[in-house]
Amino acid sequence: MGAYLFLFWSAFIIGLSGAMMPGPVLTATISETLKRGFRAGPLIVAGHAVLEMMVLAAVVAGLGRWITQPVVVRVLGLMGGGLLIAMGAHMAWTAESAVRTALQAGPDPKASIRGPFLTGILTSLSNAYWTLWWATIGLNYASVALQNGLAGLLSFYSGHILSDLLWYSLVAAAVASGRKLCPPLVYRVMITLCGLALVGLGGLFFFRLGLYPASG
């Protein structure tokens, strides 16, 4: 049970850290909410979730046997840990400017044409950071989760998606009610704390490298 809780909550923290930073999904959520109301936020996350479910389906279908090989685990751990530390340090260092960008985000006219569900898919596919995340951190986490079977993979996925659903639902609720996303100081503290948490998790990924031999 402890392993499942760790996978869930660590995936939740990593997912929340990514969701809170300004980007195309945040802009699309604001745009769609202004046009369609609160339901746009959860629908965008649903599109995003389906895309990520397809990635994990590939892991279950055969990719999992490859990413759990000791050599691959070490490579993914090195890349994933490094990216987490870099991403976390950048989040903590740029929290103030990130808050300004997020609070000034405006509507995206293209999003209103596509609709929220399709927008959730397309904004993820068009985001190079999303691809990089899954090629490093995501696959590394999947390899860790698979050590606890399918239940471990589901714990990781549910924690990751719940963070997106929670944050973008809060954003949609704030926009729909005409309020600001979050008080700037609180938002800045949240981003800074999430960034520091990512640095710690990145260090944990590096620590895991010592548990695996260099070759299978």
Foldseek 3Di string as FASTA:
>chain_A
DVLLVCLQQLLLLVLLLVLLFDDQLLQLLLQQCVVPNLVLLLLLLLLLLVVVVVVVVVCVVPVVVVCLFLQNLLVLLLLQLVVLLVSLVVLLVCLLVRLVCSQPRHHDVVSVVQGRNVSSNVRLVVDPVNVSCCVHNVSNSCSSQCVVPPSSNVSNSVSNSVSSSVQSSLSRVCSNVVHTSDPSVVSSVSSNVSSVSSNVVSVVSVVCSVVGDNGD
